[in-house]
Amino acid sequence: EKYCRYHRDHGHDTEECRQLKNQIEDLIRKGHLRKYVDRDAPQGRREQRREEAPRQEEQQQQQQPRGDEEVISFSEADYEGVRLPHDDPVVVTLLVELFTMKRILIDNGSSADILYKHAFDQLRILADQLKPVKTPLIGFAGETIHPLGSINLSVVAGTTPHQSQVEVTFLVVDTTSPYNAIIGRPGLNLLEA
């Protein structure tokens, strides 16, 4: 029932969209929305939280910089050996059910998280644990693929101490692919990526 106009997708309301709120806050910080900002109002959610906090906690926050949001970005060293401009896919390694799984495609154009059967078989999970799925997947070229089922699996991204663990619902499909899995918008949203 929920629909986000920012993402043009279901799952949460536009008013609840963290990514949209972060984008608006960033535009405000950069000065792009000056004519829409009440100069007497608190600037962003962090200051609203601070006003609601007890006075003692507020004093501690003013003395120490806030570290609850760490920015993960790419540096010049990450571009070593990469010819720019490029349109290479983002392929990562994640921990899936405590197995290191390589060749996972990050695809923010995918409305589902996909696990290919050849990778599912290597996890040694019995096929009877798959939940039935009646809705087919429609690929980019219009081809229809019927999933074997869905399964919830633990996924860990990152390394200690900077890691996130979520439970992702994968659709298991029996088709050829150079990848073991695809993390689409649902998984990316769970990981807050």
C-alpha atoms as a PDB file:
ATOM      1  CA  GLU A   1       0.000   0.000   0.000  1.00  0.00           C
ATOM      2  CA  LYS A   2       2.907   2.378   0.609  1.00  0.00           C
ATOM      3  CA  TYR A   3       4.408   4.268  -2.356  1.00  0.00           C
ATOM      4  CA  CYS A   4       7.456   6.524  -2.547  1.00  0.00           C
ATOM      5  CA  ARG A   5       7.233   9.137  -5.318  1.00  0.00           C
ATOM      6  CA  TYR A   6      10.984   9.827  -4.992  1.00  0.00           C
ATOM      7  CA  HIS A   7      11.958   6.199  -5.745  1.00  0.00           C
ATOM      8  CA  ARG A   8       8.832   5.502  -7.825  1.00  0.00           C
ATOM      9  CA  ASP A   9       8.543   2.223  -5.983  1.00  0.00           C
ATOM     10  CA  HIS A  10       6.505   0.568  -3.242  1.00  0.00           C
ATOM     11  CA  GLY A  11       7.706  -0.274   0.260  1.00  0.00           C
ATOM     12  CA  HIS A  12       7.606   3.049   2.105  1.00  0.00           C
ATOM     13  CA  ASP A  13       5.819   6.409   1.881  1.00  0.00           C
ATOM     14  CA  THR A  14       7.494   9.483   0.433  1.00  0.00           C
ATOM     15  CA  GLU A  15       7.199  11.176   3.853  1.00  0.00           C
ATOM     16  CA  GLU A  16       9.178   8.296   5.455  1.00  0.00           C
ATOM     17  CA  CYS A  17      11.905   8.217   2.763  1.00  0.00           C
ATOM     18  CA  ARG A  18      15.308   8.578   4.469  1.00  0.00           C
ATOM     19  CA  GLN A  19      17.160   8.995   1.173  1.00  0.00           C
ATOM     20  CA  LEU A  20      14.903  11.877   0.110  1.00  0.00           C
ATOM     21  CA  LYS A  21      15.323  13.581   3.503  1.00  0.00           C
ATOM     22  CA  ASN A  22      19.117  13.184   3.279  1.00  0.00           C
ATOM     23  CA  GLN A  23      19.093  14.598  -0.265  1.00  0.00           C
ATOM     24  CA  ILE A  24      17.047  17.625   0.845  1.00  0.00           C
ATOM     25  CA  GLU A  25      19.335  18.208   3.843  1.00  0.00           C
ATOM     26  CA  ASP A  26      22.361  18.052   1.554  1.00  0.00           C
ATOM     27  CA  LEU A  27      20.806  20.613  -0.821  1.00  0.00           C
ATOM     28  CA  ILE A  28      20.036  22.885   2.150  1.00  0.00           C
ATOM     29  CA  ARG A  29      23.641  22.611   3.423  1.00  0.00           C
ATOM     30  CA  LYS A  30      24.930  23.491  -0.043  1.00  0.00           C
ATOM     31  CA  GLY A  31      22.669  26.561  -0.109  1.00  0.00           C
ATOM     32  CA  HIS A  32      20.469  25.507  -3.043  1.00  0.00           C
ATOM     33  CA  LEU A  33      17.163  25.785  -1.143  1.00  0.00           C
ATOM     34  CA  ARG A  34      17.698  29.064   0.749  1.00  0.00           C
ATOM     35  CA  LYS A  35      14.386  30.618  -0.291  1.00  0.00           C
ATOM     36  CA  TYR A  36      12.480  27.603   1.117  1.00  0.00           C
ATOM     37  CA  VAL A  37      14.291  27.344   4.461  1.00  0.00           C
ATOM     38  CA  ASP A  38      12.965  29.064   7.601  1.00  0.00           C
ATOM     39  CA  ARG A  39      16.110  30.608   9.083  1.00  0.00           C
ATOM     40  CA  ASP A  40      14.703  30.371  12.637  1.00  0.00           C
ATOM     41  CA  ALA A  41      13.833  26.668  12.326  1.00  0.00           C
ATOM     42  CA  PRO A  42      16.277  23.891  13.216  1.00  0.00           C
ATOM     43  CA  GLN A  43      18.362  22.821  10.214  1.00  0.00           C
ATOM     44  CA  GLY A  44      17.684  19.155   9.619  1.00  0.00           C
ATOM     45  CA  ARG A  45      16.782  16.086  11.613  1.00  0.00           C
ATOM     46  CA  ARG A  46      19.979  15.997  13.657  1.00  0.00           C
ATOM     47  CA  GLU A  47      19.249  19.356  15.272  1.00  0.00           C
ATOM     48  CA  GLN A  48      15.636  18.342  15.899  1.00  0.00           C
ATOM     49  CA  ARG A  49      16.888  15.223  17.695  1.00  0.00           C
ATOM     50  CA  ARG A  50      19.314  17.320  19.696  1.00  0.00           C
ATOM     51  CA  GLU A  51      16.541  19.680  20.859  1.00  0.00           C
ATOM     52  CA  GLU A  52      14.504  16.729  22.074  1.00  0.00           C
ATOM     53  CA  ALA A  53      17.420  15.156  23.955  1.00  0.00           C
ATOM     54  CA  PRO A  54      17.947  15.766  27.651  1.00  0.00           C
ATOM     55  CA  ARG A  55      20.092  18.810  28.507  1.00  0.00           C
ATOM     56  CA  GLN A  56      23.042  16.722  29.790  1.00  0.00           C
ATOM     57  CA  GLU A  57      23.155  14.684  26.599  1.00  0.00           C
ATOM     58  CA  GLU A  58      22.935  17.907  24.573  1.00  0.00           C
ATOM     59  CA  GLN A  59      26.031  19.281  26.312  1.00  0.00           C
ATOM     60  CA  GLN A  60      27.974  16.082  25.535  1.00  0.00           C
ATOM     61  CA  GLN A  61      26.965  16.264  21.877  1.00  0.00           C
ATOM     62  CA  GLN A  62      28.160  19.862  21.611  1.00  0.00           C
ATOM     63  CA  GLN A  63      31.550  18.921  23.059  1.00  0.00           C
ATOM     64  CA  GLN A  64      32.095  15.856  20.849  1.00  0.00           C
ATOM     65  CA  PRO A  65      31.653  15.687  17.073  1.00  0.00           C
ATOM     66  CA  ARG A  66      28.821  13.470  15.906  1.00  0.00           C
ATOM     67  CA  GLY A  67      30.098  10.177  14.543  1.00  0.00           C
ATOM     68  CA  ASP A  68      26.841   8.298  13.973  1.00  0.00           C
ATOM     69  CA  GLU A  69      26.969   8.761  10.205  1.00  0.00           C
ATOM     70  CA  GLU A  70      30.178   7.648   8.578  1.00  0.00           C
ATOM     71  CA  VAL A  71      30.584   8.505   4.921  1.00  0.00           C
ATOM     72  CA  ILE A  72      31.961   5.716   2.768  1.00  0.00           C
ATOM     73  CA  SER A  73      33.356   7.032  -0.481  1.00  0.00           C
ATOM     74  CA  PHE A  74      35.963   6.347  -3.142  1.00  0.00           C
ATOM     75  CA  SER A  75      39.393   7.983  -3.201  1.00  0.00           C
ATOM     76  CA  GLU A  76      41.903   8.533  -5.993  1.00  0.00           C
ATOM     77  CA  ALA A  77      43.603   5.262  -4.994  1.00  0.00           C
ATOM     78  CA  ASP A  78      40.400   3.396  -5.895  1.00  0.00           C
ATOM     79  CA  TYR A  79      40.720   4.646  -9.481  1.00  0.00           C
ATOM     80  CA  GLU A  80      44.156   3.119  -9.950  1.00  0.00           C
ATOM     81  CA  GLY A  81      44.107   1.108 -13.185  1.00  0.00           C
ATOM     82  CA  VAL A  82      40.630   2.344 -14.161  1.00  0.00           C
ATOM     83  CA  ARG A  83      40.289   4.179 -17.443  1.00  0.00           C
ATOM     84  CA  LEU A  84      37.868   7.069 -17.107  1.00  0.00           C
ATOM     85  CA  PRO A  85      35.142   7.547 -18.118  1.00  0.00           C
ATOM     86  CA  HIS A  86      33.936   4.003 -17.536  1.00  0.00           C
ATOM     87  CA  ASP A  87      30.630   2.213 -17.219  1.00  0.00           C
ATOM     88  CA  ASP A  88      31.804  -0.966 -15.548  1.00  0.00           C
ATOM     89  CA  PRO A  89      29.309  -2.729 -13.289  1.00  0.00           C
ATOM     90  CA  VAL A  90      29.735  -2.673  -9.520  1.00  0.00           C
ATOM     91  CA  VAL A  91      30.510  -6.252  -8.480  1.00  0.00           C
ATOM     92  CA  VAL A  92      31.127  -7.066  -4.813  1.00  0.00           C
ATOM     93  CA  THR A  93      31.854  -9.920  -2.441  1.00  0.00           C
ATOM     94  CA  LEU A  94      29.437 -10.417   0.458  1.00  0.00           C
ATOM     95  CA  LEU A  95      28.974 -12.921   3.258  1.00  0.00           C
ATOM     96  CA  VAL A  96      25.780 -14.889   2.520  1.00  0.00           C
ATOM     97  CA  GLU A  97      24.724 -17.367   5.203  1.00  0.00           C
ATOM     98  CA  LEU A  98      28.333 -17.236   6.490  1.00  0.00           C
ATOM     99  CA  PHE A  99      29.705 -18.242   3.055  1.00  0.00           C
ATOM    100  CA  THR A 100      31.905 -15.791   1.151  1.00  0.00           C
ATOM    101  CA  MET A 101      30.054 -15.200  -2.096  1.00  0.00           C
ATOM    102  CA  LYS A 102      31.892 -13.440  -4.915  1.00  0.00           C
ATOM    103  CA  ARG A 103      30.595 -11.956  -8.179  1.00  0.00           C
ATOM    104  CA  ILE A 104      27.487 -10.259  -6.753  1.00  0.00           C
ATOM    105  CA  LEU A 105      26.173  -7.568  -9.087  1.00  0.00           C
ATOM    106  CA  ILE A 106      24.870  -4.365  -7.519  1.00  0.00           C
ATOM    107  CA  ASP A 107      21.944  -3.257  -9.693  1.00  0.00           C
ATOM    108  CA  ASN A 108      19.827  -0.346  -8.513  1.00  0.00           C
ATOM    109  CA  GLY A 109      17.661  -0.911 -11.612  1.00  0.00           C
ATOM    110  CA  SER A 110      16.516  -4.292 -10.333  1.00  0.00           C
ATOM    111  CA  SER A 111      13.295  -4.402  -8.328  1.00  0.00           C
ATOM    112  CA  ALA A 112      14.245  -7.796  -6.847  1.00  0.00           C
ATOM    113  CA  ASP A 113      17.197  -9.484  -5.180  1.00  0.00           C
ATOM    114  CA  ILE A 114      18.181 -12.502  -7.267  1.00  0.00           C
ATOM    115  CA  LEU A 115      20.127 -15.636  -6.325  1.00  0.00           C
ATOM    116  CA  TYR A 116      21.103 -17.884  -9.209  1.00  0.00           C
ATOM    117  CA  LYS A 117      20.506 -21.622  -8.780  1.00  0.00           C
ATOM    118  CA  HIS A 118      24.185 -22.548  -9.239  1.00  0.00           C
ATOM    119  CA  ALA A 119      25.042 -20.355  -6.216  1.00  0.00           C
ATOM    120  CA  PHE A 120      21.988 -21.541  -4.241  1.00  0.00           C
ATOM    121  CA  ASP A 121      23.102 -25.158  -4.720  1.00  0.00           C
ATOM    122  CA  GLN A 122      26.543 -24.365  -3.307  1.00  0.00           C
ATOM    123  CA  LEU A 123      24.953 -22.993  -0.104  1.00  0.00           C
ATOM    124  CA  ARG A 124      23.717 -26.555   0.543  1.00  0.00           C
ATOM    125  CA  ILE A 125      20.221 -25.401   1.432  1.00  0.00           C
ATOM    126  CA  LEU A 126      17.479 -27.903   0.649  1.00  0.00           C
ATOM    127  CA  ALA A 127      15.166 -26.855  -2.176  1.00  0.00           C
ATOM    128  CA  ASP A 128      12.123 -27.631  -0.005  1.00  0.00           C
ATOM    129  CA  GLN A 129      13.008 -24.548   2.078  1.00  0.00           C
ATOM    130  CA  LEU A 130      12.086 -22.312  -0.862  1.00  0.00           C
ATOM    131  CA  LYS A 131       8.771 -20.507  -0.514  1.00  0.00           C
ATOM    132  CA  PRO A 132       6.561 -20.615  -3.612  1.00  0.00           C
ATOM    133  CA  VAL A 133       6.506 -17.512  -5.831  1.00  0.00           C
ATOM    134  CA  LYS A 134       3.755 -17.108  -8.409  1.00  0.00           C
ATOM    135  CA  THR A 135       4.828 -13.798  -9.950  1.00  0.00           C
ATOM    136  CA  PRO A 136       7.234 -14.159 -12.888  1.00  0.00           C
ATOM    137  CA  LEU A 137      10.215 -11.882 -13.450  1.00  0.00           C
ATOM    138  CA  ILE A 138      10.346  -9.831 -16.619  1.00  0.00           C
ATOM    139  CA  GLY A 139      13.875  -9.180 -17.869  1.00  0.00           C
ATOM    140  CA  PHE A 140      15.285  -6.176 -19.686  1.00  0.00           C
ATOM    141  CA  ALA A 141      14.648  -7.731 -23.097  1.00  0.00           C
ATOM    142  CA  GLY A 142      11.108  -8.734 -22.113  1.00  0.00           C
ATOM    143  CA  GLU A 143      11.844 -12.402 -21.411  1.00  0.00           C
ATOM    144  CA  THR A 144       9.823 -14.064 -18.657  1.00  0.00           C
ATOM    145  CA  ILE A 145      11.577 -16.089 -15.934  1.00  0.00           C
ATOM    146  CA  HIS A 146       9.656 -18.084 -13.342  1.00  0.00           C
ATOM    147  CA  PRO A 147      11.511 -18.179 -10.000  1.00  0.00           C
ATOM    148  CA  LEU A 148      11.995 -21.539  -8.321  1.00  0.00           C
ATOM    149  CA  GLY A 149      10.955 -19.808  -5.098  1.00  0.00           C
ATOM    150  CA  SER A 150      12.098 -17.269  -2.545  1.00  0.00           C
ATOM    151  CA  ILE A 151      14.281 -17.596   0.528  1.00  0.00           C
ATOM    152  CA  ASN A 152      15.422 -15.273   3.307  1.00  0.00           C
ATOM    153  CA  LEU A 153      19.186 -15.311   3.781  1.00  0.00           C
ATOM    154  CA  SER A 154      21.540 -13.458   6.096  1.00  0.00           C
ATOM    155  CA  VAL A 155      23.798 -11.035   4.201  1.00  0.00           C
ATOM    156  CA  VAL A 156      26.779  -9.232   5.731  1.00  0.00           C
ATOM    157  CA  ALA A 157      28.327  -6.277   3.905  1.00  0.00           C
ATOM    158  CA  GLY A 158      31.615  -4.672   4.948  1.00  0.00           C
ATOM    159  CA  THR A 159      34.213  -5.710   7.468  1.00  0.00           C
ATOM    160  CA  THR A 160      34.444  -5.267  11.218  1.00  0.00           C
ATOM    161  CA  PRO A 161      33.921  -2.705  12.702  1.00  0.00           C
ATOM    162  CA  HIS A 162      32.158  -1.194   9.664  1.00  0.00           C
ATOM    163  CA  GLN A 163      29.666  -3.817   8.633  1.00  0.00           C
ATOM    164  CA  SER A 164      25.963  -4.212   8.216  1.00  0.00           C
ATOM    165  CA  GLN A 165      23.981  -7.447   8.527  1.00  0.00           C
ATOM    166  CA  VAL A 166      20.491  -7.762   7.058  1.00  0.00           C
ATOM    167  CA  GLU A 167      18.108 -10.506   6.048  1.00  0.00           C
ATOM    168  CA  VAL A 168      17.486 -10.362   2.303  1.00  0.00           C
ATOM    169  CA  THR A 169      14.649 -12.113   0.489  1.00  0.00           C
ATOM    170  CA  PHE A 170      16.166 -13.605  -2.655  1.00  0.00           C
ATOM    171  CA  LEU A 171      14.250 -14.945  -5.631  1.00  0.00           C
ATOM    172  CA  VAL A 172      16.037 -18.102  -6.781  1.00  0.00           C
ATOM    173  CA  VAL A 173      16.155 -18.452 -10.562  1.00  0.00           C
ATOM    174  CA  ASP A 174      17.498 -21.232 -12.763  1.00  0.00           C
ATOM    175  CA  THR A 175      19.156 -19.393 -15.636  1.00  0.00           C
ATOM    176  CA  THR A 176      22.708 -18.786 -16.753  1.00  0.00           C
ATOM    177  CA  SER A 177      24.560 -15.757 -15.467  1.00  0.00           C
ATOM    178  CA  PRO A 178      28.162 -14.685 -14.933  1.00  0.00           C
ATOM    179  CA  TYR A 179      27.047 -13.543 -11.466  1.00  0.00           C
ATOM    180  CA  ASN A 180      26.103 -15.546  -8.393  1.00  0.00           C
ATOM    181  CA  ALA A 181      23.518 -13.034  -7.225  1.00  0.00           C
ATOM    182  CA  ILE A 182      22.073  -9.589  -7.855  1.00  0.00           C
ATOM    183  CA  ILE A 183      21.453  -7.131  -5.062  1.00  0.00           C
ATOM    184  CA  GLY A 184      18.653  -4.873  -6.273  1.00  0.00           C
ATOM    185  CA  ARG A 185      16.760  -1.983  -4.706  1.00  0.00           C
ATOM    186  CA  PRO A 186      15.196  -4.043  -1.871  1.00  0.00           C
ATOM    187  CA  GLY A 187      18.602  -5.272  -0.641  1.00  0.00           C
ATOM    188  CA  LEU A 188      20.238  -1.877  -1.149  1.00  0.00           C
ATOM    189  CA  ASN A 189      17.488  -0.239   0.891  1.00  0.00           C
ATOM    190  CA  LEU A 190      17.915  -2.797   3.688  1.00  0.00           C
ATOM    191  CA  LEU A 191      21.666  -2.107   3.701  1.00  0.00           C
ATOM    192  CA  GLU A 192      20.953   1.635   3.585  1.00  0.00           C
ATOM    193  CA  ALA A 193      23.356   1.836   0.665  1.00  0.00           C
END
